[in-house]
Amino acid sequence: MNKFRSDWVRDRQGNVTQMHYARQGIITPEMRHVAEQESLEPELICKEVAEGRMVIPANICHVELEPLAIGIASRCKINANIGNSQISSGLDEELEKLALSIKYGADTVMDLSTGKDIAKIRNNIIRNSPVPIGTVPIYEVVERVPDVRDLKPEFILQVIEEQAKQGVDYMTVHCGVVRKVLPLIESRITKIVSRGGALMAQWMLHHDQENPLYTHFDQLLEICKRYDVTLSLGDGLRPGCLHDASDAAQFTELDVLGELTERAWKHDVQVMIEGPGHVPMDQIEMNMAKEREVCHDAPFYVLGPLVTDIAAGYDHIASAIGGAIAAWKGASMLCYVTPKEHLGLPNAEDVRNGIIAYKIAAHAADIARHRPGAQDQDDAMSRARYSFDWNRQFELALDPDRAREYHDETLPGEAHKKAEFCSMCGPRFCAYKLSQEVSEKSKELADKMIPTACPETTPANNGHTAEDKHAVGE
């Protein structure tokens, strides 16, 4: 936990966003902290935040926060979703998921609770979280009204401010699902798969009015300015299957998000853009490029994307494949998918598996983008493997517990931590051990060889043989 952040934010008043300070050339303690994390200069962090290419989600009421950066200049981040449902889970289960998310390396956590005690669960999550916390406020709004069609715009804003006061660092708001886009979903197989997008569509059609989050966007920005809430402009019309990817509905909504990005920046409010979804591999790069163009290089936060629709039970793998490509081609943060996607509410083990799959994807992308130091841990792992340093291998793994567990299934003894083999090859067939012996013999052979000079290539004839001299006319 950050014991200093309460001092950092104590005297901040008015517009307190990181973008507001950055545009005045003020390097905040949060920016300096991020610069140290990323091995970048504070001036670069300030410039990227000022121009909207980077966000530092850091609500001034979340004093327990260790700030981090999300943007194309920083390493790729991953988010883990937790939260209860109307059917399952409670406070203890969600705090366990939070602890596991932090342990295994989630950079941010979203509380997507839709069941009972949402405010209580969220407050406990924030108070126990050193990482930024995100929410989708419309979930709590709907849980607190008898019928979604009865909700009022003023109540939506009230709940958003209540969440901001608790310390929510970023909020997904589905402002881009506007009336003109709704007819475009009819050619889709899965229509609207975003819960927030579907709720907004239901409200608009019932009232025959525009999306209240769009019409009241300026009031929303005023709340963000008071607390420094980063807006995560939600992809309410993201494709829910490969058939629906990159269609008119998705890209028309993206155009609206590009417009809202500029409106938010006029108020110095930080913005990131949420993206698909289910996308064939050959369309991912195009999607990343289009978002950067339409949304003016605002950080892209993508769910997956899933590259096939038939991996039920293994969607964390299907989506991590797409996530690695997306991050390589420009996404700034990946929202994890667990093995339970499309099937049920994730438990603690599902959270663990989803996080590790996405840590792999994000890390692979950082290597591909040549981030400073991104490959250092990989090289250290390779040296540890070659020297049979098993404890060091466990330490360097993304999931040290799982690495040790798998090794110890067959070679559990402490003496086996120094063994020059594993249970796959045994002592006679280990390629590392054999190659070490080959290398040692090669060194001995090299030491015995006495180098001799070839008279045809001595410095006296400038390295040319007699035939060479004749050929060049010397």
Protein backbone atom coordinates (compact mmCIF):
# COMPACT_ATOMS: atom_id res chain seq x y z
CA MET A 1 0.00 0.00 0.00
CA ASN A 2 1.14 3.55 -0.72
CA LYS A 3 1.58 5.24 2.66
CA PHE A 4 2.48 8.54 1.02
CA ARG A 5 -0.42 9.10 -1.36
CA SER A 6 -2.68 10.75 1.21
CA ASP A 7 -0.01 13.47 1.43
CA TRP A 8 0.17 13.74 -2.36
CA VAL A 9 -3.54 14.48 -2.77
CA ARG A 10 -4.32 16.37 0.44
CA ASP A 11 -4.35 19.89 -1.03
CA ARG A 12 -5.76 19.13 -4.48
CA GLN A 13 -8.91 21.05 -5.39
CA GLY A 14 -10.96 21.88 -8.46
CA ASN A 15 -9.91 19.93 -11.52
CA VAL A 16 -7.58 17.32 -10.03
CA THR A 17 -6.96 15.07 -13.04
CA GLN A 18 -3.48 13.92 -13.98
CA MET A 19 -4.13 15.30 -17.47
CA HIS A 20 -4.96 18.74 -16.03
CA TYR A 21 -1.63 18.88 -14.18
CA ALA A 22 0.30 17.46 -17.12
CA ARG A 23 -1.06 20.11 -19.47
CA GLN A 24 0.30 22.75 -17.10
CA GLY A 25 3.69 21.06 -17.18
CA ILE A 26 3.36 19.88 -13.57
CA ILE A 27 4.98 16.52 -12.93
CA THR A 28 2.95 14.97 -10.12
CA PRO A 29 4.25 12.40 -7.61
CA GLU A 30 2.08 9.87 -9.47
CA MET A 31 3.92 10.65 -12.71
CA ARG A 32 7.29 10.28 -11.01
CA HIS A 33 6.21 6.97 -9.49
CA VAL A 34 5.10 5.71 -12.90
CA ALA A 35 8.31 6.89 -14.56
CA GLU A 36 10.34 4.85 -12.07
CA GLN A 37 8.15 1.79 -12.65
CA GLU A 38 8.49 2.02 -16.42
CA SER A 39 12.17 3.09 -16.57
CA LEU A 40 11.09 6.18 -18.48
CA GLU A 41 11.77 9.87 -17.95
CA PRO A 42 9.15 11.79 -15.90
CA GLU A 43 9.03 14.41 -18.66
CA LEU A 44 7.98 11.75 -21.17
CA ILE A 45 5.23 10.50 -18.84
CA CYS A 46 3.98 14.06 -18.39
CA LYS A 47 3.96 14.64 -22.16
CA GLU A 48 2.12 11.38 -22.93
CA VAL A 49 -0.54 12.09 -20.29
CA ALA A 50 -0.96 15.68 -21.51
CA GLU A 51 -1.54 14.50 -25.07
CA GLY A 52 -3.94 11.71 -24.09
CA ARG A 53 -1.80 8.78 -25.22
CA MET A 54 -1.38 7.62 -21.62
CA VAL A 55 -3.64 7.53 -18.59
CA ILE A 56 -2.80 7.20 -14.90
CA PRO A 57 -6.05 5.99 -13.28
CA ALA A 58 -5.66 7.48 -9.81
CA ASN A 59 -8.78 8.69 -8.01
CA ILE A 60 -7.75 11.09 -5.23
CA CYS A 61 -9.97 9.12 -2.82
CA HIS A 62 -8.04 5.90 -3.44
CA VAL A 63 -5.15 6.71 -1.14
CA GLU A 64 -4.08 3.06 -0.90
CA LEU A 65 -3.15 3.14 -4.60
CA GLU A 66 0.23 2.41 -6.17
CA PRO A 67 -0.24 4.42 -9.42
CA LEU A 68 0.51 2.89 -12.80
CA ALA A 69 0.37 3.96 -16.44
CA ILE A 70 -1.71 2.60 -19.30
CA GLY A 71 -0.51 3.75 -22.71
CA ILE A 72 1.43 2.84 -25.79
CA ALA A 73 4.71 4.14 -24.33
CA SER A 74 4.47 1.89 -21.27
CA ARG A 75 4.48 -1.86 -20.88
CA CYS A 76 1.22 -3.64 -21.67
CA LYS A 77 -1.07 -4.02 -18.66
CA ILE A 78 -3.70 -6.63 -17.86
CA ASN A 79 -7.01 -6.33 -16.00
CA ALA A 80 -8.76 -9.01 -13.97
CA ASN A 81 -12.54 -8.95 -13.56
CA ILE A 82 -14.05 -10.03 -10.26
CA GLY A 83 -17.45 -9.43 -8.66
CA ASN A 84 -20.48 -11.27 -7.40
CA SER A 85 -23.68 -12.12 -9.23
CA GLN A 86 -27.30 -12.38 -8.17
CA ILE A 87 -26.75 -16.14 -7.95
CA SER A 88 -23.28 -16.59 -6.48
CA SER A 89 -20.44 -15.22 -4.31
CA GLY A 90 -20.11 -12.72 -1.47
CA LEU A 91 -17.61 -10.40 0.22
CA ASP A 92 -15.16 -13.08 1.40
CA GLU A 93 -15.04 -14.74 -2.02
CA GLU A 94 -14.47 -11.43 -3.78
CA LEU A 95 -11.67 -10.40 -1.42
CA GLU A 96 -10.04 -13.77 -2.07
CA LYS A 97 -10.26 -13.13 -5.81
CA LEU A 98 -8.75 -9.66 -5.27
CA ALA A 99 -5.85 -11.11 -3.28
CA LEU A 100 -5.18 -13.73 -5.95
CA SER A 101 -5.40 -11.11 -8.70
CA ILE A 102 -2.74 -9.01 -6.99
CA LYS A 103 -0.58 -12.04 -6.13
CA TYR A 104 -0.46 -13.28 -9.70
CA GLY A 105 0.14 -9.91 -11.28
CA ALA A 106 -3.08 -8.22 -12.40
CA ASP A 107 -2.29 -4.55 -13.03
CA THR A 108 -5.88 -3.42 -12.46
CA VAL A 109 -9.03 -5.08 -11.15
CA MET A 110 -12.61 -4.40 -12.15
CA ASP A 111 -15.42 -5.06 -9.68
CA LEU A 112 -18.33 -6.13 -11.88
CA SER A 113 -20.67 -7.09 -9.04
CA THR A 114 -24.34 -7.32 -9.99
CA GLY A 115 -25.73 -9.00 -6.85
CA LYS A 116 -26.37 -7.79 -3.32
CA ASP A 117 -24.22 -5.47 -1.21
CA ILE A 118 -22.46 -3.97 -4.24
CA ALA A 119 -21.38 -0.78 -2.45
CA LYS A 120 -20.07 -2.70 0.58
CA ILE A 121 -18.12 -5.17 -1.57
CA ARG A 122 -16.68 -2.39 -3.71
CA ASN A 123 -15.58 -0.33 -0.71
CA ASN A 124 -13.78 -3.32 0.81
CA ILE A 125 -12.10 -4.05 -2.50
CA ILE A 126 -10.87 -0.46 -2.87
CA ARG A 127 -9.61 -0.25 0.72
CA ASN A 128 -7.61 -3.47 0.21
CA SER A 129 -6.28 -2.75 -3.27
CA PRO A 130 -2.94 -1.18 -4.23
CA VAL A 131 -3.94 -1.48 -7.91
CA PRO A 132 -6.47 0.72 -9.75
CA ILE A 133 -10.08 -0.40 -9.40
CA GLY A 134 -12.60 -0.09 -12.21
CA THR A 135 -16.38 -0.50 -12.28
CA VAL A 136 -19.37 -0.44 -14.62
CA PRO A 137 -21.71 1.91 -12.69
CA ILE A 138 -24.82 0.94 -14.64
CA TYR A 139 -24.74 -2.47 -12.91
CA GLU A 140 -25.33 -0.92 -9.50
CA VAL A 141 -27.87 1.49 -10.97
CA VAL A 142 -29.92 -1.40 -12.33
CA GLU A 143 -29.58 -3.44 -9.14
CA ARG A 144 -31.07 -0.53 -7.18
CA VAL A 145 -34.16 0.11 -9.34
CA PRO A 146 -37.10 -2.27 -9.80
CA ASP A 147 -36.97 -2.02 -13.58
CA VAL A 148 -34.21 -0.66 -15.82
CA ARG A 149 -36.83 1.25 -17.78
CA ASP A 150 -37.64 3.24 -14.64
CA LEU A 151 -34.16 4.65 -14.11
CA LYS A 152 -33.57 8.40 -14.42
CA PRO A 153 -30.44 10.09 -15.78
CA GLU A 154 -30.03 11.95 -12.50
CA PHE A 155 -29.90 8.66 -10.61
CA ILE A 156 -27.20 7.32 -12.93
CA LEU A 157 -25.07 10.38 -12.19
CA GLN A 158 -25.79 10.03 -8.45
CA VAL A 159 -24.49 6.46 -8.40
CA ILE A 160 -21.45 7.44 -10.47
CA GLU A 161 -20.56 10.15 -7.95
CA GLU A 162 -21.08 7.77 -5.02
CA GLN A 163 -18.62 5.37 -6.62
CA ALA A 164 -16.18 8.20 -7.30
CA LYS A 165 -16.30 9.25 -3.64
CA GLN A 166 -15.39 5.69 -2.62
CA GLY A 167 -12.28 5.86 -4.81
CA VAL A 168 -13.08 4.08 -8.08
CA ASP A 169 -10.19 4.88 -10.43
CA TYR A 170 -11.84 4.21 -13.79
CA MET A 171 -15.37 3.59 -14.95
CA THR A 172 -16.76 1.89 -18.01
CA VAL A 173 -19.60 3.98 -19.41
CA HIS A 174 -21.47 2.92 -22.54
CA CYS A 175 -21.95 6.42 -23.95
CA GLY A 176 -21.44 5.37 -27.56
CA VAL A 177 -24.53 3.16 -27.84
CA VAL A 178 -26.67 5.86 -29.43
CA ARG A 179 -30.02 5.50 -31.17
CA LYS A 180 -28.68 5.74 -34.71
CA VAL A 181 -26.54 2.65 -34.17
CA LEU A 182 -29.26 0.27 -32.98
CA PRO A 183 -30.66 -0.68 -36.42
CA LEU A 184 -27.17 -1.81 -37.44
CA ILE A 185 -27.21 -4.80 -35.10
CA GLU A 186 -29.95 -6.64 -37.02
CA SER A 187 -27.51 -8.41 -39.33
CA ARG A 188 -25.62 -9.84 -36.36
CA ILE A 189 -25.88 -13.36 -35.00
CA THR A 190 -25.40 -12.33 -31.35
CA LYS A 191 -26.82 -8.79 -31.53
CA ILE A 192 -25.63 -6.97 -28.30
CA VAL A 193 -23.42 -8.99 -25.93
CA SER A 194 -22.38 -6.14 -23.63
CA ARG A 195 -24.57 -6.05 -20.52
CA GLY A 196 -24.19 -2.28 -20.27
CA GLY A 197 -24.86 -1.84 -23.98
CA ALA A 198 -27.97 -3.99 -23.84
CA LEU A 199 -29.32 -2.11 -20.80
CA MET A 200 -28.81 1.25 -22.52
CA ALA A 201 -30.50 -0.02 -25.68
CA GLN A 202 -33.47 -1.30 -23.69
CA TRP A 203 -33.86 2.08 -21.95
CA MET A 204 -33.62 4.06 -25.19
CA LEU A 205 -36.19 1.95 -27.02
CA HIS A 206 -38.62 2.06 -24.10
CA HIS A 207 -38.41 5.86 -23.69
CA ASP A 208 -37.80 6.67 -27.37
CA GLN A 209 -34.97 8.95 -26.20
CA GLU A 210 -31.23 9.22 -26.69
CA ASN A 211 -28.74 7.45 -24.41
CA PRO A 212 -28.72 9.43 -21.12
CA LEU A 213 -24.97 8.88 -20.71
CA TYR A 214 -24.50 10.60 -24.08
CA THR A 215 -26.92 13.48 -23.43
CA HIS A 216 -25.52 14.05 -19.91
CA PHE A 217 -21.88 13.57 -20.87
CA ASP A 218 -20.83 17.05 -19.68
CA GLN A 219 -22.26 16.37 -16.19
CA LEU A 220 -20.34 13.10 -16.17
CA LEU A 221 -17.13 14.98 -16.99
CA GLU A 222 -17.67 17.34 -14.04
CA ILE A 223 -17.67 14.34 -11.69
CA CYS A 224 -14.51 12.96 -13.29
CA LYS A 225 -12.74 16.30 -12.84
CA ARG A 226 -13.54 16.48 -9.11
CA TYR A 227 -12.13 13.03 -8.29
CA ASP A 228 -9.87 12.19 -11.24
CA VAL A 229 -11.91 9.29 -12.53
CA THR A 230 -10.58 7.98 -15.83
CA LEU A 231 -13.32 7.27 -18.36
CA SER A 232 -13.16 3.90 -20.03
CA LEU A 233 -15.47 4.52 -22.96
CA GLY A 234 -17.21 1.18 -23.27
CA ASP A 235 -17.71 -0.86 -26.41
CA GLY A 236 -21.38 -1.58 -25.88
CA LEU A 237 -21.62 -2.93 -29.43
CA ARG A 238 -18.47 -5.03 -29.41
CA PRO A 239 -18.77 -8.16 -31.57
CA GLY A 240 -19.84 -11.22 -29.59
CA CYS A 241 -18.78 -13.71 -32.26
CA LEU A 242 -16.47 -13.85 -35.26
CA HIS A 243 -19.37 -13.37 -37.68
CA ASP A 244 -20.15 -9.95 -36.17
CA ALA A 245 -16.56 -8.63 -36.05
CA SER A 246 -15.60 -5.35 -37.70
CA ASP A 247 -19.15 -4.55 -38.77
CA ALA A 248 -20.94 -1.23 -39.21
CA ALA A 249 -22.38 -1.26 -35.68
CA GLN A 250 -18.96 -1.70 -34.07
CA PHE A 251 -17.26 1.00 -36.11
CA THR A 252 -20.15 3.49 -35.94
CA GLU A 253 -19.99 3.27 -32.16
CA LEU A 254 -16.20 3.76 -32.39
CA ASP A 255 -16.80 7.00 -34.31
CA VAL A 256 -18.99 8.23 -31.43
CA LEU A 257 -16.27 7.31 -28.93
CA GLY A 258 -13.76 9.31 -30.95
CA GLU A 259 -16.04 12.34 -30.70
CA LEU A 260 -16.50 11.85 -26.94
CA THR A 261 -12.75 11.47 -26.45
CA GLU A 262 -12.17 14.96 -27.80
CA ARG A 263 -14.98 16.34 -25.64
CA ALA A 264 -13.45 14.77 -22.54
CA TRP A 265 -10.00 16.08 -23.37
CA LYS A 266 -11.36 19.63 -23.57
CA HIS A 267 -12.09 19.21 -19.86
CA ASP A 268 -8.72 17.53 -19.17
CA VAL A 269 -10.47 14.25 -18.33
CA GLN A 270 -8.44 11.09 -18.92
CA VAL A 271 -9.86 8.60 -21.42
CA MET A 272 -9.20 5.10 -22.64
CA ILE A 273 -11.22 3.21 -25.25
CA GLU A 274 -12.59 -0.29 -24.84
CA GLY A 275 -12.44 -2.67 -27.77
CA PRO A 276 -13.55 -6.05 -29.05
CA GLY A 277 -14.45 -8.78 -28.33
CA HIS A 278 -14.43 -11.67 -30.82
CA VAL A 279 -12.18 -10.95 -33.83
CA PRO A 280 -10.54 -13.28 -36.38
CA MET A 281 -6.76 -13.12 -36.20
CA ASP A 282 -6.43 -11.51 -39.62
CA GLN A 283 -8.60 -8.54 -38.54
CA ILE A 284 -6.88 -7.71 -35.25
CA GLU A 285 -4.14 -5.45 -36.61
CA MET A 286 -6.69 -3.47 -38.64
CA ASN A 287 -8.85 -3.01 -35.54
CA MET A 288 -5.90 -1.66 -33.54
CA ALA A 289 -4.96 0.78 -36.29
CA LYS A 290 -8.54 1.98 -36.75
CA GLU A 291 -8.96 2.73 -33.05
CA ARG A 292 -5.78 4.79 -32.99
CA GLU A 293 -6.96 6.77 -36.00
CA VAL A 294 -10.57 7.34 -34.92
CA CYS A 295 -9.87 7.90 -31.21
CA HIS A 296 -6.76 10.04 -31.63
CA ASP A 297 -4.25 7.61 -30.04
CA ALA A 298 -6.18 7.26 -26.77
CA PRO A 299 -5.08 4.05 -25.00
CA PHE A 300 -6.91 0.95 -26.26
CA TYR A 301 -8.22 -1.52 -23.67
CA VAL A 302 -9.36 -4.74 -25.33
CA LEU A 303 -11.28 -7.81 -24.14
CA GLY A 304 -9.29 -10.68 -25.62
CA PRO A 305 -10.00 -10.63 -28.47
CA LEU A 306 -11.15 -14.23 -28.89
CA VAL A 307 -9.96 -15.70 -32.17
CA THR A 308 -12.42 -18.60 -32.25
CA ASP A 309 -15.91 -19.18 -30.86
CA ILE A 310 -15.63 -22.91 -30.11
CA ALA A 311 -13.15 -22.96 -27.20
CA ALA A 312 -15.74 -23.16 -24.38
CA GLY A 313 -13.88 -24.09 -21.21
CA TYR A 314 -10.62 -22.85 -22.73
CA ASP A 315 -11.55 -19.31 -23.74
CA HIS A 316 -8.67 -17.96 -21.65
CA ILE A 317 -6.36 -19.57 -24.23
CA ALA A 318 -8.38 -18.61 -27.31
CA SER A 319 -8.51 -15.00 -26.14
CA ALA A 320 -4.90 -14.77 -24.97
CA ILE A 321 -3.82 -15.63 -28.52
CA GLY A 322 -5.77 -12.64 -29.79
CA GLY A 323 -4.63 -10.51 -26.85
CA ALA A 324 -0.96 -11.11 -27.65
CA ILE A 325 -1.49 -9.99 -31.23
CA ALA A 326 -3.56 -6.98 -30.15
CA ALA A 327 -0.94 -5.84 -27.65
CA TRP A 328 1.84 -6.34 -30.20
CA LYS A 329 -0.06 -4.18 -32.66
CA GLY A 330 -0.94 -1.34 -30.28
CA ALA A 331 -3.33 -2.23 -27.46
CA SER A 332 -2.29 -0.74 -24.12
CA MET A 333 -4.22 -3.02 -21.76
CA LEU A 334 -5.81 -6.45 -22.04
CA CYS A 335 -8.90 -7.49 -20.13
CA TYR A 336 -8.50 -11.10 -19.16
CA VAL A 337 -10.89 -13.89 -20.00
CA THR A 338 -11.19 -16.94 -17.74
CA PRO A 339 -11.95 -20.59 -18.58
CA LYS A 340 -15.51 -19.92 -17.34
CA GLU A 341 -16.23 -17.27 -20.01
CA HIS A 342 -19.66 -17.92 -21.58
CA LEU A 343 -20.26 -20.65 -18.97
CA GLY A 344 -20.51 -19.21 -15.46
CA LEU A 345 -19.13 -16.97 -12.71
CA PRO A 346 -15.36 -17.46 -12.30
CA ASN A 347 -14.04 -18.85 -9.03
CA ALA A 348 -10.62 -18.17 -7.53
CA GLU A 349 -8.84 -20.82 -9.63
CA ASP A 350 -10.44 -19.47 -12.81
CA VAL A 351 -9.16 -16.00 -11.90
CA ARG A 352 -5.66 -17.41 -11.47
CA ASN A 353 -5.72 -19.18 -14.84
CA GLY A 354 -7.08 -16.12 -16.63
CA ILE A 355 -4.44 -13.82 -15.15
CA ILE A 356 -1.51 -16.07 -16.02
CA ALA A 357 -2.75 -16.56 -19.59
CA TYR A 358 -2.90 -12.79 -20.00
CA LYS A 359 0.41 -12.13 -18.28
CA ILE A 360 1.92 -14.41 -20.93
CA ALA A 361 0.15 -12.51 -23.72
CA ALA A 362 1.13 -9.06 -22.45
CA HIS A 363 4.72 -10.09 -21.75
CA ALA A 364 5.10 -11.66 -25.19
CA ALA A 365 3.87 -8.41 -26.73
CA ASP A 366 6.31 -6.34 -24.67
CA ILE A 367 9.16 -8.48 -26.00
CA ALA A 368 7.88 -8.12 -29.56
CA ARG A 369 7.66 -4.33 -29.11
CA HIS A 370 11.24 -4.27 -27.74
CA ARG A 371 10.34 -2.68 -24.41
CA PRO A 372 13.50 -1.91 -22.41
CA GLY A 373 14.37 -4.90 -20.26
CA ALA A 374 11.34 -6.93 -21.37
CA GLN A 375 13.43 -10.01 -22.20
CA ASP A 376 15.72 -9.87 -19.16
CA GLN A 377 13.61 -12.26 -17.10
CA ASP A 378 13.42 -14.70 -20.01
CA ASP A 379 17.22 -14.71 -20.40
CA ALA A 380 17.62 -15.22 -16.66
CA MET A 381 15.23 -18.18 -16.85
CA SER A 382 17.23 -19.69 -19.71
CA ARG A 383 20.45 -19.47 -17.70
CA ALA A 384 18.76 -21.02 -14.68
CA ARG A 385 17.45 -23.87 -16.81
CA TYR A 386 20.81 -24.57 -18.39
CA SER A 387 22.51 -24.62 -14.99
CA PHE A 388 19.76 -26.75 -13.37
CA ASP A 389 18.99 -24.03 -10.80
CA TRP A 390 15.50 -25.26 -10.02
CA ASN A 391 14.66 -22.80 -7.24
CA ARG A 392 15.69 -19.90 -9.43
CA GLN A 393 13.46 -21.25 -12.21
CA PHE A 394 10.48 -21.33 -9.86
CA GLU A 395 11.24 -17.79 -8.73
CA LEU A 396 11.38 -16.45 -12.28
CA ALA A 397 8.20 -18.16 -13.49
CA LEU A 398 5.01 -16.10 -13.93
CA ASP A 399 3.32 -18.59 -11.60
CA PRO A 400 6.04 -19.84 -9.22
CA ASP A 401 3.59 -21.98 -7.24
CA ARG A 402 2.41 -23.88 -10.30
CA ALA A 403 5.96 -24.37 -11.62
CA ARG A 404 7.11 -25.85 -8.30
CA GLU A 405 3.95 -27.96 -8.03
CA TYR A 406 4.46 -29.55 -11.45
CA HIS A 407 8.14 -30.23 -10.83
CA ASP A 408 7.47 -31.77 -7.43
CA GLU A 409 4.77 -34.12 -8.67
CA THR A 410 7.48 -36.55 -9.77
CA LEU A 411 10.65 -35.28 -8.06
CA PRO A 412 9.51 -33.90 -4.70
CA GLY A 413 12.65 -34.35 -2.60
CA GLU A 414 14.86 -31.42 -1.61
CA ALA A 415 17.81 -33.20 -3.21
CA HIS A 416 15.95 -33.08 -6.52
CA LYS A 417 16.21 -29.27 -6.44
CA LYS A 418 19.88 -29.78 -7.23
CA ALA A 419 19.43 -32.65 -9.68
CA GLU A 420 20.85 -32.19 -13.16
CA PHE A 421 17.78 -33.64 -14.83
CA CYS A 422 13.99 -33.62 -14.63
CA SER A 423 11.47 -36.47 -14.87
CA MET A 424 10.95 -35.86 -18.58
CA CYS A 425 14.41 -36.96 -19.76
CA GLY A 426 16.04 -38.44 -16.68
CA PRO A 427 19.83 -38.37 -16.14
CA ARG A 428 20.78 -40.16 -19.39
CA PHE A 429 18.73 -38.26 -21.97
CA CYS A 430 18.92 -34.65 -20.75
CA ALA A 431 19.98 -32.49 -23.68
CA TYR A 432 21.30 -29.76 -21.37
CA LYS A 433 23.55 -32.19 -19.52
CA LEU A 434 24.75 -33.78 -22.76
CA SER A 435 25.45 -30.41 -24.34
CA GLN A 436 27.36 -29.27 -21.25
CA GLU A 437 29.61 -32.31 -21.65
CA VAL A 438 29.99 -31.61 -25.37
CA SER A 439 30.84 -27.98 -24.62
CA GLU A 440 33.46 -28.99 -22.07
CA LYS A 441 35.10 -31.43 -24.50
CA SER A 442 35.03 -28.80 -27.24
CA LYS A 443 36.87 -26.36 -24.99
CA GLU A 444 39.50 -28.97 -24.22
CA LEU A 445 39.93 -29.69 -27.93
CA ALA A 446 40.22 -25.99 -28.74
CA ASP A 447 42.89 -25.51 -26.08
CA LYS A 448 44.99 -28.34 -27.60
CA MET A 449 44.88 -26.88 -31.08
CA ILE A 450 47.87 -24.64 -31.97
CA PRO A 451 46.88 -21.91 -34.43
CA THR A 452 49.12 -21.79 -37.52
CA ALA A 453 49.45 -18.93 -40.00
CA CYS A 454 48.78 -19.61 -43.67
CA PRO A 455 51.60 -18.18 -45.79
CA GLU A 456 49.18 -17.33 -48.58
CA THR A 457 47.17 -15.00 -46.29
CA THR A 458 49.85 -13.19 -44.24
CA PRO A 459 49.73 -9.40 -43.79
CA ALA A 460 52.64 -9.12 -46.21
CA ASN A 461 50.37 -9.96 -49.13
CA ASN A 462 47.39 -8.10 -47.68
CA GLY A 463 45.40 -11.25 -47.19
CA HIS A 464 45.30 -12.25 -50.87
CA THR A 465 46.45 -15.59 -52.28
CA ALA A 466 48.57 -15.69 -55.39
CA GLU A 467 45.49 -16.54 -57.42
CA ASP A 468 43.65 -13.58 -55.91
CA LYS A 469 46.43 -11.20 -56.92
CA HIS A 470 46.40 -12.45 -60.46
CA ALA A 471 42.63 -12.17 -60.64
CA VAL A 472 42.58 -8.51 -59.60
CA GLY A 473 45.61 -7.61 -61.69
CA GLU A 474 47.96 -6.87 -58.80
